[in-house]
PDB file of N, CA and C in Angstrom:
ATOM      1  N   MET A   1     -33.801  -4.715 -13.697  1.00  0.00           N
ATOM      2  CA  MET A   1     -34.876  -4.639 -14.823  1.00  0.00           C
ATOM      3  C   MET A   1     -34.117  -4.588 -16.191  1.00  0.00           C
ATOM      4  N   SER A   2     -34.519  -5.288 -17.273  1.00  0.00           N
ATOM      5  CA  SER A   2     -33.760  -5.284 -18.221  1.00  0.00           C
ATOM      6  C   SER A   2     -34.066  -4.087 -19.254  1.00  0.00           C
ATOM      7  N   LEU A   3     -33.048  -3.726 -20.184  1.00  0.00           N
ATOM      8  CA  LEU A   3     -33.373  -2.743 -21.046  1.00  0.00           C
ATOM      9  C   LEU A   3     -34.634  -2.883 -22.093  1.00  0.00           C
ATOM     10  N   ASP A   4     -34.826  -4.085 -22.473  1.00  0.00           N
ATOM     11  CA  ASP A   4     -35.968  -4.576 -23.226  1.00  0.00           C
ATOM     12  C   ASP A   4     -37.244  -4.262 -22.513  1.00  0.00           C
ATOM     13  N   ARG A   5     -37.253  -4.589 -21.316  1.00  0.00           N
ATOM     14  CA  ARG A   5     -38.428  -4.484 -20.481  1.00  0.00           C
ATOM     15  C   ARG A   5     -38.775  -2.937 -20.473  1.00  0.00           C
ATOM     16  N   ILE A   6     -37.769  -2.109 -20.054  1.00  0.00           N
ATOM     17  CA  ILE A   6     -37.920  -0.746 -19.952  1.00  0.00           C
ATOM     18  C   ILE A   6     -38.462  -0.123 -21.246  1.00  0.00           C
ATOM     19  N   ILE A   7     -37.859  -0.518 -22.425  1.00  0.00           N
ATOM     20  CA  ILE A   7     -38.383   0.023 -23.598  1.00  0.00           C
ATOM     21  C   ILE A   7     -39.793  -0.356 -24.093  1.00  0.00           C
ATOM     22  N   ARG A   8     -40.104  -1.703 -23.651  1.00  0.00           N
ATOM     23  CA  ARG A   8     -41.525  -2.052 -23.814  1.00  0.00           C
ATOM     24  C   ARG A   8     -42.430  -1.282 -23.089  1.00  0.00           C
ATOM     25  N   GLU A   9     -42.108  -1.059 -21.896  1.00  0.00           N
ATOM     26  CA  GLU A   9     -43.105  -0.462 -20.851  1.00  0.00           C
ATOM     27  C   GLU A   9     -43.220   1.021 -21.313  1.00  0.00           C
ATOM     28  N   GLU A  10     -41.985   1.561 -21.860  1.00  0.00           N
ATOM     29  CA  GLU A  10     -42.174   2.967 -22.217  1.00  0.00           C
ATOM     30  C   GLU A  10     -42.864   3.163 -23.731  1.00  0.00           C
ATOM     31  N   ALA A  11     -42.712   2.174 -24.515  1.00  0.00           N
ATOM     32  CA  ALA A  11     -43.509   2.233 -25.847  1.00  0.00           C
ATOM     33  C   ALA A  11     -45.033   1.983 -25.535  1.00  0.00           C
ATOM     34  N   ARG A  12     -45.352   1.103 -24.687  1.00  0.00           N
ATOM     35  CA  ARG A  12     -46.781   0.881 -24.354  1.00  0.00           C
ATOM     36  C   ARG A  12     -47.422   2.343 -23.849  1.00  0.00           C
ATOM     37  N   LEU A  13     -46.756   2.949 -22.999  1.00  0.00           N
ATOM     38  CA  LEU A  13     -47.199   4.235 -22.541  1.00  0.00           C
ATOM     39  C   LEU A  13     -47.376   5.302 -23.614  1.00  0.00           C
ATOM     40  N   ILE A  14     -46.372   5.296 -24.535  1.00  0.00           N
ATOM     41  CA  ILE A  14     -46.383   6.274 -25.619  1.00  0.00           C
ATOM     42  C   ILE A  14     -47.523   6.105 -26.423  1.00  0.00           C
ATOM     43  N   ILE A  15     -47.769   4.729 -26.715  1.00  0.00           N
ATOM     44  CA  ILE A  15     -48.944   4.269 -27.594  1.00  0.00           C
ATOM     45  C   ILE A  15     -50.250   4.816 -26.982  1.00  0.00           C
ATOM     46  N   LEU A  16     -50.401   4.508 -25.682  1.00  0.00           N
ATOM     47  CA  LEU A  16     -51.637   4.907 -25.033  1.00  0.00           C
ATOM     48  C   LEU A  16     -51.698   6.507 -25.020  1.00  0.00           C
ATOM     49  N   ARG A  17     -50.613   7.165 -24.808  1.00  0.00           N
ATOM     50  CA  ARG A  17     -50.762   8.731 -24.820  1.00  0.00           C
ATOM     51  C   ARG A  17     -51.056   9.112 -26.125  1.00  0.00           C
ATOM     52  N   GLU A  18     -50.534   8.621 -27.157  1.00  0.00           N
ATOM     53  CA  GLU A  18     -50.777   8.967 -28.734  1.00  0.00           C
ATOM     54  C   GLU A  18     -52.267   8.687 -29.046  1.00  0.00           C
ATOM     55  N   LEU A  19     -52.751   7.664 -28.649  1.00  0.00           N
ATOM     56  CA  LEU A  19     -54.207   7.318 -28.980  1.00  0.00           C
ATOM     57  C   LEU A  19     -54.984   8.242 -28.339  1.00  0.00           C
ATOM     58  N   ALA A  20     -54.736   8.732 -27.121  1.00  0.00           N
ATOM     59  CA  ALA A  20     -55.493   9.540 -26.287  1.00  0.00           C
ATOM     60  C   ALA A  20     -55.593  10.979 -26.927  1.00  0.00           C
ATOM     61  N   GLU A  21     -54.511  11.339 -27.596  1.00  0.00           N
ATOM     62  CA  GLU A  21     -54.455  12.679 -28.255  1.00  0.00           C
ATOM     63  C   GLU A  21     -55.203  12.814 -29.563  1.00  0.00           C
ATOM     64  N   GLN A  22     -55.477  11.675 -30.087  1.00  0.00           N
ATOM     65  CA  GLN A  22     -56.210  11.483 -31.365  1.00  0.00           C
ATOM     66  C   GLN A  22     -57.646  11.846 -31.302  1.00  0.00           C
ATOM     67  N   PRO A  23     -58.242  12.620 -32.293  1.00  0.00           N
ATOM     68  CA  PRO A  23     -59.700  13.081 -32.064  1.00  0.00           C
ATOM     69  C   PRO A  23     -60.513  11.701 -31.916  1.00  0.00           C
ATOM     70  N   ASN A  24     -60.327  10.694 -32.589  1.00  0.00           N
ATOM     71  CA  ASN A  24     -60.892   9.470 -32.474  1.00  0.00           C
ATOM     72  C   ASN A  24     -60.435   8.454 -31.626  1.00  0.00           C
ATOM     73  N   GLU A  25     -59.294   8.844 -30.980  1.00  0.00           N
ATOM     74  CA  GLU A  25     -58.663   8.077 -30.075  1.00  0.00           C
ATOM     75  C   GLU A  25     -58.071   6.715 -30.772  1.00  0.00           C
ATOM     76  N   SER A  26     -57.928   6.637 -31.964  1.00  0.00           N
ATOM     77  CA  SER A  26     -57.490   5.653 -32.748  1.00  0.00           C
ATOM     78  C   SER A  26     -55.976   6.158 -33.619  1.00  0.00           C
ATOM     79  N   ALA A  27     -55.338   4.889 -34.025  1.00  0.00           N
ATOM     80  CA  ALA A  27     -54.179   5.092 -34.822  1.00  0.00           C
ATOM     81  C   ALA A  27     -53.925   3.699 -35.475  1.00  0.00           C
ATOM     82  N   THR A  28     -53.161   3.817 -36.578  1.00  0.00           N
ATOM     83  CA  THR A  28     -52.677   2.377 -37.198  1.00  0.00           C
ATOM     84  C   THR A  28     -51.439   2.173 -36.626  1.00  0.00           C
ATOM     85  N   SER A  29     -51.189   0.645 -36.647  1.00  0.00           N
ATOM     86  CA  SER A  29     -49.932   0.223 -36.248  1.00  0.00           C
ATOM     87  C   SER A  29     -48.698   0.928 -36.899  1.00  0.00           C
ATOM     88  N   SER A  30     -48.880   1.316 -38.330  1.00  0.00           N
ATOM     89  CA  SER A  30     -48.022   1.861 -39.155  1.00  0.00           C
ATOM     90  C   SER A  30     -47.614   3.385 -38.655  1.00  0.00           C
ATOM     91  N   ALA A  31     -48.603   4.047 -38.075  1.00  0.00           N
ATOM     92  CA  ALA A  31     -48.396   5.258 -37.924  1.00  0.00           C
ATOM     93  C   ALA A  31     -47.722   5.324 -36.417  1.00  0.00           C
ATOM     94  N   LEU A  32     -48.089   4.406 -35.621  1.00  0.00           N
ATOM     95  CA  LEU A  32     -47.558   4.254 -34.246  1.00  0.00           C
ATOM     96  C   LEU A  32     -45.909   3.825 -34.406  1.00  0.00           C
ATOM     97  N   GLN A  33     -45.761   2.987 -35.302  1.00  0.00           N
ATOM     98  CA  GLN A  33     -44.441   2.657 -35.414  1.00  0.00           C
ATOM     99  C   GLN A  33     -43.531   3.769 -36.003  1.00  0.00           C
ATOM    100  N   GLY A  34     -44.071   4.675 -36.803  1.00  0.00           N
ATOM    101  CA  GLY A  34     -43.385   5.809 -37.304  1.00  0.00           C
ATOM    102  C   GLY A  34     -43.222   6.861 -36.149  1.00  0.00           C
ATOM    103  N   LEU A  35     -44.218   7.057 -35.430  1.00  0.00           N
ATOM    104  CA  LEU A  35     -44.163   8.098 -34.111  1.00  0.00           C
ATOM    105  C   LEU A  35     -43.149   7.431 -33.169  1.00  0.00           C
ATOM    106  N   LEU A  36     -43.043   6.040 -32.780  1.00  0.00           N
ATOM    107  CA  LEU A  36     -42.045   5.637 -31.728  1.00  0.00           C
ATOM    108  C   LEU A  36     -40.655   5.722 -32.410  1.00  0.00           C
ATOM    109  N   ALA A  37     -40.503   5.653 -33.650  1.00  0.00           N
ATOM    110  CA  ALA A  37     -38.987   5.834 -34.269  1.00  0.00           C
ATOM    111  C   ALA A  37     -38.662   7.251 -34.319  1.00  0.00           C
ATOM    112  N   GLU A  38     -39.606   8.015 -34.925  1.00  0.00           N
ATOM    113  CA  GLU A  38     -39.019   9.403 -35.189  1.00  0.00           C
ATOM    114  C   GLU A  38     -39.104  10.279 -33.896  1.00  0.00           C
ATOM    115  N   MET A  39     -39.838  10.048 -32.978  1.00  0.00           N
ATOM    116  CA  MET A  39     -40.025  11.046 -31.961  1.00  0.00           C
ATOM    117  C   MET A  39     -39.424  10.448 -30.700  1.00  0.00           C
ATOM    118  N   PHE A  40     -39.233   9.130 -30.536  1.00  0.00           N
ATOM    119  CA  PHE A  40     -38.775   8.574 -29.246  1.00  0.00           C
ATOM    120  C   PHE A  40     -37.559   7.619 -29.556  1.00  0.00           C
ATOM    121  N   MET A  41     -37.027   7.521 -30.752  1.00  0.00           N
ATOM    122  CA  MET A  41     -35.958   6.775 -31.054  1.00  0.00           C
ATOM    123  C   MET A  41     -36.122   5.220 -30.763  1.00  0.00           C
ATOM    124  N   ILE A  42     -37.493   4.717 -30.652  1.00  0.00           N
ATOM    125  CA  ILE A  42     -37.712   3.299 -30.450  1.00  0.00           C
ATOM    126  C   ILE A  42     -37.895   2.730 -31.873  1.00  0.00           C
ATOM    127  N   VAL A  43     -36.822   2.427 -32.449  1.00  0.00           N
ATOM    128  CA  VAL A  43     -36.895   1.894 -33.915  1.00  0.00           C
ATOM    129  C   VAL A  43     -37.148   0.445 -33.867  1.00  0.00           C
ATOM    130  N   ARG A  44     -38.320  -0.058 -34.235  1.00  0.00           N
ATOM    131  CA  ARG A  44     -38.727  -1.536 -34.310  1.00  0.00           C
ATOM    132  C   ARG A  44     -39.498  -1.830 -35.497  1.00  0.00           C
ATOM    133  N   GLU A  45     -39.580  -3.104 -35.930  1.00  0.00           N
ATOM    134  CA  GLU A  45     -40.528  -3.482 -36.966  1.00  0.00           C
ATOM    135  C   GLU A  45     -41.940  -3.255 -36.531  1.00  0.00           C
ATOM    136  N   ARG A  46     -42.795  -3.060 -37.625  1.00  0.00           N
ATOM    137  CA  ARG A  46     -44.390  -2.988 -37.260  1.00  0.00           C
ATOM    138  C   ARG A  46     -44.631  -4.261 -36.545  1.00  0.00           C
ATOM    139  N   GLU A  47     -44.149  -5.471 -36.904  1.00  0.00           N
ATOM    140  CA  GLU A  47     -44.752  -6.564 -36.150  1.00  0.00           C
ATOM    141  C   GLU A  47     -44.408  -6.411 -34.734  1.00  0.00           C
ATOM    142  N   TRP A  48     -43.340  -5.829 -34.186  1.00  0.00           N
ATOM    143  CA  TRP A  48     -43.032  -5.584 -32.974  1.00  0.00           C
ATOM    144  C   TRP A  48     -44.056  -4.664 -32.241  1.00  0.00           C
ATOM    145  N   VAL A  49     -44.425  -3.671 -32.928  1.00  0.00           N
ATOM    146  CA  VAL A  49     -45.414  -2.650 -32.540  1.00  0.00           C
ATOM    147  C   VAL A  49     -46.716  -3.457 -32.402  1.00  0.00           C
ATOM    148  N   GLU A  50     -47.149  -4.230 -33.288  1.00  0.00           N
ATOM    149  CA  GLU A  50     -48.414  -4.862 -33.245  1.00  0.00           C
ATOM    150  C   GLU A  50     -48.364  -6.118 -32.243  1.00  0.00           C
ATOM    151  N   ARG A  51     -47.201  -6.569 -31.902  1.00  0.00           N
ATOM    152  CA  ARG A  51     -47.122  -7.526 -30.687  1.00  0.00           C
ATOM    153  C   ARG A  51     -47.469  -6.678 -29.354  1.00  0.00           C
ATOM    154  N   GLU A  52     -46.939  -5.513 -29.300  1.00  0.00           N
ATOM    155  CA  GLU A  52     -47.223  -4.703 -28.236  1.00  0.00           C
ATOM    156  C   GLU A  52     -48.494  -4.299 -28.014  1.00  0.00           C
ATOM    157  N   LEU A  53     -49.290  -3.963 -29.110  1.00  0.00           N
ATOM    158  CA  LEU A  53     -50.701  -3.596 -29.315  1.00  0.00           C
ATOM    159  C   LEU A  53     -51.551  -4.918 -28.826  1.00  0.00           C
ATOM    160  N   GLY A  54     -51.026  -5.990 -29.159  1.00  0.00           N
ATOM    161  CA  GLY A  54     -51.682  -7.407 -28.748  1.00  0.00           C
ATOM    162  C   GLY A  54     -51.668  -7.347 -27.308  1.00  0.00           C
ATOM    163  N   TRP A  55     -50.590  -7.221 -26.740  1.00  0.00           N
ATOM    164  CA  TRP A  55     -50.349  -7.239 -25.273  1.00  0.00           C
ATOM    165  C   TRP A  55     -51.270  -6.163 -24.642  1.00  0.00           C
ATOM    166  N   LEU A  56     -51.449  -5.039 -25.155  1.00  0.00           N
ATOM    167  CA  LEU A  56     -52.374  -4.028 -24.580  1.00  0.00           C
ATOM    168  C   LEU A  56     -53.810  -4.330 -24.801  1.00  0.00           C
ATOM    169  N   LYS A  57     -54.112  -5.036 -25.864  1.00  0.00           N
ATOM    170  CA  LYS A  57     -55.446  -5.745 -26.093  1.00  0.00           C
ATOM    171  C   LYS A  57     -55.709  -6.525 -25.053  1.00  0.00           C
ATOM    172  N   GLU A  58     -54.877  -7.478 -24.663  1.00  0.00           N
ATOM    173  CA  GLU A  58     -55.019  -8.459 -23.517  1.00  0.00           C
ATOM    174  C   GLU A  58     -55.312  -7.757 -22.172  1.00  0.00           C
ATOM    175  N   MET A  59     -54.795  -6.678 -21.911  1.00  0.00           N
ATOM    176  CA  MET A  59     -54.897  -5.980 -20.745  1.00  0.00           C
ATOM    177  C   MET A  59     -56.157  -5.070 -20.837  1.00  0.00           C
ATOM    178  N   ASP A  60     -56.976  -5.223 -21.923  1.00  0.00           N
ATOM    179  CA  ASP A  60     -58.147  -4.081 -22.151  1.00  0.00           C
ATOM    180  C   ASP A  60     -57.848  -2.891 -22.301  1.00  0.00           C
ATOM    181  N   ALA A  61     -56.704  -2.439 -22.661  1.00  0.00           N
ATOM    182  CA  ALA A  61     -56.302  -1.064 -22.689  1.00  0.00           C
ATOM    183  C   ALA A  61     -56.761  -0.467 -24.168  1.00  0.00           C
ATOM    184  N   VAL A  62     -56.697  -1.366 -25.189  1.00  0.00           N
ATOM    185  CA  VAL A  62     -56.862  -0.984 -26.677  1.00  0.00           C
ATOM    186  C   VAL A  62     -57.792  -1.918 -27.156  1.00  0.00           C
ATOM    187  N   ARG A  63     -58.412  -1.511 -28.195  1.00  0.00           N
ATOM    188  CA  ARG A  63     -59.274  -2.463 -29.002  1.00  0.00           C
ATOM    189  C   ARG A  63     -58.422  -2.609 -30.457  1.00  0.00           C
ATOM    190  N   LEU A  64     -58.481  -3.632 -30.793  1.00  0.00           N
ATOM    191  CA  LEU A  64     -57.733  -3.825 -32.367  1.00  0.00           C
ATOM    192  C   LEU A  64     -58.713  -4.242 -33.474  1.00  0.00           C
ATOM    193  N   THR A  65     -58.323  -3.323 -34.469  1.00  0.00           N
ATOM    194  CA  THR A  65     -59.435  -3.809 -35.781  1.00  0.00           C
ATOM    195  C   THR A  65     -58.404  -4.029 -36.892  1.00  0.00           C
ATOM    196  N   PRO A  66     -58.470  -5.354 -37.453  1.00  0.00           N
ATOM    197  CA  PRO A  66     -57.628  -5.397 -38.688  1.00  0.00           C
ATOM    198  C   PRO A  66     -58.047  -4.652 -39.926  1.00  0.00           C
ATOM    199  N   ALA A  67     -57.090  -4.113 -40.446  1.00  0.00           N
ATOM    200  CA  ALA A  67     -57.272  -3.265 -41.850  1.00  0.00           C
ATOM    201  C   ALA A  67     -56.281  -3.581 -42.749  1.00  0.00           C
ATOM    202  N   GLY A  68     -56.668  -4.526 -43.401  1.00  0.00           N
ATOM    203  CA  GLY A  68     -55.621  -5.103 -44.446  1.00  0.00           C
ATOM    204  C   GLY A  68     -54.336  -5.725 -43.780  1.00  0.00           C
ATOM    205  N   SER A  69     -53.080  -5.222 -44.136  1.00  0.00           N
ATOM    206  CA  SER A  69     -52.105  -5.851 -43.458  1.00  0.00           C
ATOM    207  C   SER A  69     -51.568  -5.075 -42.168  1.00  0.00           C
ATOM    208  N   ILE A  70     -52.436  -3.967 -41.784  1.00  0.00           N
ATOM    209  CA  ILE A  70     -52.111  -3.367 -40.543  1.00  0.00           C
ATOM    210  C   ILE A  70     -53.203  -3.515 -39.477  1.00  0.00           C
ATOM    211  N   GLN A  71     -52.927  -3.032 -38.257  1.00  0.00           N
ATOM    212  CA  GLN A  71     -54.102  -3.121 -37.209  1.00  0.00           C
ATOM    213  C   GLN A  71     -54.373  -1.534 -36.843  1.00  0.00           C
ATOM    214  N   ILE A  72     -55.619  -1.281 -36.649  1.00  0.00           N
ATOM    215  CA  ILE A  72     -56.051  -0.020 -36.170  1.00  0.00           C
ATOM    216  C   ILE A  72     -56.318  -0.189 -34.572  1.00  0.00           C
ATOM    217  N   ALA A  73     -55.563   0.530 -33.801  1.00  0.00           N
ATOM    218  CA  ALA A  73     -55.794   0.585 -32.347  1.00  0.00           C
ATOM    219  C   ALA A  73     -56.694   1.662 -31.763  1.00  0.00           C
ATOM    220  N   THR A  74     -57.696   1.273 -30.845  1.00  0.00           N
ATOM    221  CA  THR A  74     -58.492   2.408 -30.251  1.00  0.00           C
ATOM    222  C   THR A  74     -58.381   2.320 -28.753  1.00  0.00           C
ATOM    223  N   LEU A  75     -58.372   3.456 -28.151  1.00  0.00           N
ATOM    224  CA  LEU A  75     -58.098   3.507 -26.760  1.00  0.00           C
ATOM    225  C   LEU A  75     -59.373   2.931 -26.107  1.00  0.00           C
ATOM    226  N   GLN A  76     -59.307   2.174 -25.007  1.00  0.00           N
ATOM    227  CA  GLN A  76     -60.248   1.742 -24.286  1.00  0.00           C
ATOM    228  C   GLN A  76     -60.285   2.103 -22.833  1.00  0.00           C
ATOM    229  N   PRO A  77     -61.364   1.839 -21.986  1.00  0.00           N
ATOM    230  CA  PRO A  77     -61.416   2.491 -20.776  1.00  0.00           C
ATOM    231  C   PRO A  77     -60.240   2.082 -19.891  1.00  0.00           C
ATOM    232  N   ALA A  78     -59.744   0.980 -19.937  1.00  0.00           N
ATOM    233  CA  ALA A  78     -58.566   0.561 -19.114  1.00  0.00           C
ATOM    234  C   ALA A  78     -57.406   1.470 -19.278  1.00  0.00           C
ATOM    235  N   GLY A  79     -57.146   1.659 -20.629  1.00  0.00           N
ATOM    236  CA  GLY A  79     -56.020   2.542 -21.014  1.00  0.00           C
ATOM    237  C   GLY A  79     -56.334   4.046 -20.601  1.00  0.00           C
ATOM    238  N   LYS A  80     -57.517   4.486 -20.777  1.00  0.00           N
ATOM    239  CA  LYS A  80     -57.825   5.991 -20.302  1.00  0.00           C
ATOM    240  C   LYS A  80     -57.503   5.860 -18.750  1.00  0.00           C
ATOM    241  N   ASP A  81     -58.000   4.919 -17.952  1.00  0.00           N
ATOM    242  CA  ASP A  81     -57.909   4.843 -16.611  1.00  0.00           C
ATOM    243  C   ASP A  81     -56.395   4.922 -16.163  1.00  0.00           C
ATOM    244  N   HIS A  82     -55.520   4.041 -16.777  1.00  0.00           N
ATOM    245  CA  HIS A  82     -54.061   4.077 -16.708  1.00  0.00           C
ATOM    246  C   HIS A  82     -53.507   5.549 -16.746  1.00  0.00           C
ATOM    247  N   LEU A  83     -53.827   6.245 -17.953  1.00  0.00           N
ATOM    248  CA  LEU A  83     -53.358   7.534 -18.197  1.00  0.00           C
ATOM    249  C   LEU A  83     -53.855   8.481 -17.150  1.00  0.00           C
ATOM    250  N   ALA A  84     -54.897   8.447 -16.588  1.00  0.00           N
ATOM    251  CA  ALA A  84     -55.651   9.273 -15.500  1.00  0.00           C
ATOM    252  C   ALA A  84     -55.320   9.002 -14.097  1.00  0.00           C
ATOM    253  N   HIS A  85     -54.411   7.860 -13.872  1.00  0.00           N
ATOM    254  CA  HIS A  85     -54.017   7.439 -12.589  1.00  0.00           C
ATOM    255  C   HIS A  85     -55.141   6.860 -11.812  1.00  0.00           C
ATOM    256  N   ARG A  86     -56.205   6.487 -12.469  1.00  0.00           N
ATOM    257  CA  ARG A  86     -57.344   5.776 -11.838  1.00  0.00           C
ATOM    258  C   ARG A  86     -57.090   4.319 -11.519  1.00  0.00           C
ATOM    259  N   ARG A  87     -56.230   3.606 -12.448  1.00  0.00           N
ATOM    260  CA  ARG A  87     -55.933   2.309 -12.317  1.00  0.00           C
ATOM    261  C   ARG A  87     -54.569   2.179 -13.033  1.00  0.00           C
ATOM    262  N   PHE A  88     -53.690   1.352 -12.579  1.00  0.00           N
ATOM    263  CA  PHE A  88     -52.463   1.221 -13.204  1.00  0.00           C
ATOM    264  C   PHE A  88     -52.341  -0.295 -13.700  1.00  0.00           C
ATOM    265  N   LEU A  89     -51.829  -0.486 -14.989  1.00  0.00           N
ATOM    266  CA  LEU A  89     -51.448  -1.504 -15.691  1.00  0.00           C
ATOM    267  C   LEU A  89     -50.088  -1.966 -15.563  1.00  0.00           C
ATOM    268  N   ALA A  90     -49.896  -3.059 -14.842  1.00  0.00           N
ATOM    269  CA  ALA A  90     -48.536  -3.665 -14.842  1.00  0.00           C
ATOM    270  C   ALA A  90     -48.035  -3.975 -16.094  1.00  0.00           C
ATOM    271  N   GLY A  91     -46.750  -3.633 -16.312  1.00  0.00           N
ATOM    272  CA  GLY A  91     -46.145  -3.595 -17.756  1.00  0.00           C
ATOM    273  C   GLY A  91     -46.291  -2.411 -18.653  1.00  0.00           C
ATOM    274  N   VAL A  92     -46.969  -1.323 -18.098  1.00  0.00           N
ATOM    275  CA  VAL A  92     -46.894  -0.080 -18.702  1.00  0.00           C
ATOM    276  C   VAL A  92     -46.511   0.931 -17.892  1.00  0.00           C
ATOM    277  N   LYS A  93     -45.455   1.668 -18.392  1.00  0.00           N
ATOM    278  CA  LYS A  93     -44.815   2.701 -17.423  1.00  0.00           C
ATOM    279  C   LYS A  93     -45.902   3.688 -17.111  1.00  0.00           C
ATOM    280  N   ARG A  94     -45.793   4.289 -15.774  1.00  0.00           N
ATOM    281  CA  ARG A  94     -46.783   5.211 -15.291  1.00  0.00           C
ATOM    282  C   ARG A  94     -46.498   6.604 -15.758  1.00  0.00           C
ATOM    283  N   THR A  95     -47.409   7.404 -16.045  1.00  0.00           N
ATOM    284  CA  THR A  95     -47.391   8.691 -16.433  1.00  0.00           C
ATOM    285  C   THR A  95     -46.879   9.490 -15.214  1.00  0.00           C
ATOM    286  N   SER A  96     -46.092  10.634 -15.499  1.00  0.00           N
ATOM    287  CA  SER A  96     -45.670  11.511 -14.413  1.00  0.00           C
ATOM    288  C   SER A  96     -46.861  12.267 -13.773  1.00  0.00           C
ATOM    289  N   LEU A  97     -47.756  12.741 -14.776  1.00  0.00           N
ATOM    290  CA  LEU A  97     -48.878  13.537 -14.297  1.00  0.00           C
ATOM    291  C   LEU A  97     -50.043  12.745 -14.920  1.00  0.00           C
ATOM    292  N   PRO A  98     -51.183  12.738 -14.224  1.00  0.00           N
ATOM    293  CA  PRO A  98     -52.433  12.243 -14.915  1.00  0.00           C
ATOM    294  C   PRO A  98     -52.793  12.800 -16.185  1.00  0.00           C
ATOM    295  N   VAL A  99     -53.214  12.225 -17.171  1.00  0.00           N
ATOM    296  CA  VAL A  99     -53.640  12.701 -18.524  1.00  0.00           C
ATOM    297  C   VAL A  99     -55.204  12.524 -18.574  1.00  0.00           C
ATOM    298  N   ASN A 100     -55.814  13.545 -18.748  1.00  0.00           N
ATOM    299  CA  ASN A 100     -57.315  13.439 -18.707  1.00  0.00           C
ATOM    300  C   ASN A 100     -57.944  13.620 -20.243  1.00  0.00           C
TER     301      ASN A 100
END
């Protein structure tokens, strides 16, 4: 497995977990970019984060809403199920413990 793939799968999990922690289960692509860089040392352009969000949308894990030049991601049932260990999304790192 390549380092790039490992980072992408880890970032996707971090994004889902962060959305689950928000009161409205939503966050902007800009906020997620900052979180990945500051807390997890995954320093990437916002466009990279938005591509990962697009991938998560294709998997029905998030809903994306355009807001000017950024995207707002909102957690969806498939993303919640992955975090709770009810369903696993290939391409997203698994959580060590279920998140409810």
